[in-house]
Each structure stands twice: as C-alpha cells, then as structure tokens.
Protein backbone atom coordinates (compact mmCIF):
# COMPACT_ATOMS: atom_id res chain seq x y z
CA UNK A 1 0.01 0.08 -0.15
CA UNK A 2 2.90 2.41 0.69
CA UNK A 3 4.56 1.96 -2.81
CA UNK A 4 1.27 3.15 -4.45
CA UNK A 5 1.15 5.79 -2.35
CA UNK A 6 5.00 6.89 -3.32
CA UNK A 7 4.11 5.92 -6.81
CA UNK A 8 1.04 8.34 -7.01
CA UNK A 9 3.39 10.77 -5.29
CA UNK A 10 6.28 10.70 -8.01
CA UNK A 11 3.65 10.58 -11.01
CA UNK A 12 2.15 13.74 -9.58
CA UNK A 13 5.14 15.39 -8.99
CA UNK A 14 6.54 14.44 -13.10
CA UNK A 15 3.18 15.64 -14.29
CA UNK A 16 3.63 19.19 -12.69
CA UNK A 17 7.64 19.45 -13.30
CA UNK A 18 8.52 17.65 -16.57
CA UNK A 19 6.36 20.60 -18.33
CA UNK A 20 8.10 23.13 -16.21
CA UNK A 21 11.45 21.54 -17.52
CA UNK A 22 11.00 20.73 -21.08
CA UNK A 23 9.64 24.80 -21.14
CA UNK A 24 12.72 25.30 -19.78
CA UNK A 25 15.25 23.37 -22.10
CA UNK A 26 13.43 24.87 -24.72
CA UNK A 27 14.54 28.66 -23.65
CA UNK A 28 17.64 27.17 -23.04
CA UNK A 29 18.15 25.63 -26.47
CA UNK A 30 16.62 29.48 -28.08
CA UNK A 31 18.96 31.14 -26.12
CA UNK A 32 21.72 29.17 -27.07
CA UNK A 33 21.33 29.46 -30.87
CA UNK A 34 19.96 32.78 -30.33
CA UNK A 35 23.05 34.52 -30.87
CA UNK A 36 23.45 32.87 -34.36
CA UNK A 37 20.47 34.73 -35.01
CA UNK A 38 21.00 37.96 -33.84
CA UNK A 39 24.85 37.99 -35.49
CA UNK A 40 23.10 38.69 -38.63
CA UNK A 41 21.85 42.26 -37.52
CA UNK A 42 24.33 42.59 -34.41
CA UNK A 43 27.45 42.30 -36.78
CA UNK A 44 26.06 45.54 -38.93
CA UNK A 45 24.56 47.61 -36.21
CA UNK A 46 27.71 47.20 -34.01
CA UNK A 47 30.31 46.96 -36.81
CA UNK A 48 31.95 43.30 -34.76
CA UNK A 49 34.27 41.74 -37.21
CA UNK A 50 33.35 37.46 -37.36
CA UNK A 51 36.55 37.51 -34.73
CA UNK A 52 34.60 39.68 -32.20
CA UNK A 53 31.57 38.23 -32.98
CA UNK A 54 32.92 34.92 -33.01
CA UNK A 55 35.06 35.02 -29.37
CA UNK A 56 32.19 36.60 -27.85
CA UNK A 57 29.88 33.83 -28.74
CA UNK A 58 32.41 31.21 -27.45
CA UNK A 59 33.16 33.04 -24.21
CA UNK A 60 29.63 31.96 -23.25
CA UNK A 61 31.35 28.45 -22.83
CA UNK A 62 34.50 29.65 -20.64
CA UNK A 63 31.96 31.21 -17.56
CA UNK A 64 29.83 28.18 -18.58
CA UNK A 65 32.87 25.66 -17.92
CA UNK A 66 34.34 27.47 -15.23
CA UNK A 67 31.37 28.15 -12.78
CA UNK A 68 29.51 24.30 -13.64
CA UNK A 69 31.34 22.60 -10.56
CA UNK A 70 30.80 25.63 -7.90
CA UNK A 71 27.15 25.75 -9.18
CA UNK A 72 26.79 22.13 -8.42
CA UNK A 73 28.15 23.14 -5.30
CA UNK A 74 25.86 25.68 -4.47
CA UNK A 75 22.99 23.13 -5.57
CA UNK A 76 23.98 20.67 -2.93
CA UNK A 77 24.02 23.28 -0.27
CA UNK A 78 20.79 25.47 -0.92
CA UNK A 79 18.52 23.01 -3.03
CA UNK A 80 17.37 22.45 -6.37
CA UNK A 81 14.40 24.68 -5.82
CA UNK A 82 16.42 27.47 -4.60
CA UNK A 83 19.35 27.31 -7.07
CA UNK A 84 16.71 26.69 -10.12
CA UNK A 85 14.81 29.77 -9.05
CA UNK A 86 18.52 31.47 -8.97
CA UNK A 87 19.61 30.43 -12.19
CA UNK A 88 15.97 31.46 -14.11
CA UNK A 89 16.33 35.04 -13.01
CA UNK A 90 20.20 36.15 -13.17
CA UNK A 91 19.79 33.82 -16.60
CA UNK A 92 16.80 36.52 -17.52
CA UNK A 93 18.38 39.24 -16.18
CA UNK A 94 21.51 38.75 -17.93
CA UNK A 95 19.37 37.95 -21.22
CA UNK A 96 17.75 40.84 -20.86
CA UNK A 97 20.49 43.26 -20.46
CA UNK A 98 21.94 41.32 -24.07
CA UNK A 99 19.29 43.63 -25.50
CA UNK A 100 21.77 46.65 -24.42
CA UNK A 101 24.88 45.80 -26.04
CA UNK A 102 26.70 48.74 -27.29
CA UNK A 103 30.02 47.28 -28.08
CA UNK A 104 32.60 44.40 -28.20
CA UNK A 105 33.35 44.63 -24.17
CA UNK A 106 29.80 44.64 -23.50
CA UNK A 107 29.51 42.00 -25.43
CA UNK A 108 32.20 39.78 -24.04
CA UNK A 109 30.69 40.74 -20.68
CA UNK A 110 27.61 39.65 -21.08
CA UNK A 111 28.46 36.36 -22.78
CA UNK A 112 30.61 35.18 -20.08
CA UNK A 113 27.84 36.27 -17.42
CA UNK A 114 25.18 34.32 -19.40
CA UNK A 115 27.19 31.19 -19.44
CA UNK A 116 27.95 32.13 -15.54
CA UNK A 117 24.33 32.24 -14.84
CA UNK A 118 23.51 29.06 -16.88
CA UNK A 119 26.07 27.11 -15.21
CA UNK A 120 24.44 24.21 -13.06
CA UNK A 121 21.04 24.12 -15.16
CA UNK A 122 21.17 20.84 -16.05
CA UNK A 123 21.72 19.27 -12.97
CA UNK A 124 19.95 21.34 -11.05
CA UNK A 125 16.91 20.64 -13.53
CA UNK A 126 17.65 16.61 -13.27
CA UNK A 127 18.14 16.32 -9.69
CA UNK A 128 14.70 18.01 -9.33
CA UNK A 129 12.39 15.67 -10.71
CA UNK A 130 11.77 11.98 -8.27
CA UNK A 131 12.13 10.42 -11.61
CA UNK A 132 15.61 11.80 -12.24
CA UNK A 133 16.36 10.61 -8.23
CA UNK A 134 15.06 7.12 -8.57
CA UNK A 135 17.51 6.56 -11.48
CA UNK A 136 20.17 8.22 -10.17
CA UNK A 137 19.87 5.89 -6.86
CA UNK A 138 19.27 2.51 -9.39
CA UNK A 139 22.65 3.70 -10.91
CA UNK A 140 24.43 4.48 -8.10
CA UNK A 141 23.25 0.91 -6.02
CA UNK A 142 24.35 -1.34 -9.18
CA UNK A 143 27.73 0.80 -9.69
CA UNK A 144 28.54 0.71 -5.95
CA UNK A 145 27.44 -3.53 -5.95
C-alpha cells in the first residue's frame, strides 16, 4: 500500500515538473542558438567583425565551464528549488541585458555572465525530478554493488 502512495506521488510530481522543465530546456536551447540569429543584425549595427562575434559567442562556454562545479556545490548546499530559481532569475536578467549591448566589451562581458548564469541548470533540473533521482539511486546502487 505504501508503494502505491509513493508511485502516485512520483507520478503527480512528474506531471507537474516535466512540462516546466521541458519549457526551461526549450528556452535554454533558444537562448544558445539565438546569438547566431542575432549575428545577422548585430554585426552590422555594432560593426562587429567575425572574429569579435566568434570570440563573444565562444566566451559563453568559458563562464559555463568555470562555474559548473561551483554551481553544483551550491546546488547541494541550497537545494534544487532555490537554485533553479536563482538560475532562472539571473539568466533572465543577463539575457535581457544582452539587448543593451553597445560594443565588443559589453558583448564579451554579458556572454561570459550568461554562461555563469546558466551553469548548473542541467544538474539542478535533473535533481528536482523524482524520476531522475530514482534513476540516479538505481544507477548508484548497481555501480557500487
């Protein structure tokens, strides 16, 4: 009988969380590919060379990689609910600020900060789902035994 309650709770949590997480992943994907579409107008408006734009597009991943582990440590400390909220708010603020880029320096800084803001999104979103945590527990127990 207890297993029925657990299964029901997991199913209910997944029904509520999965659509939200799918939406977040869709926005994440659009955010990453959007810089390529923005290049068409941004390069002309701000007089960016392909080198300036390429470096700015790539510096996103420097911030993402440098802050992935610290973000995961903070996720463990503060919890997934708080940490996903922090990621979404900071990500939204930096993405909004991208609309006010005035030159190469601000483009570099905001792309780096966007990478910092997005770091830890995937681990946080996978740790909040009960199905994901059950899968991780099953994998951990099979690897450790």
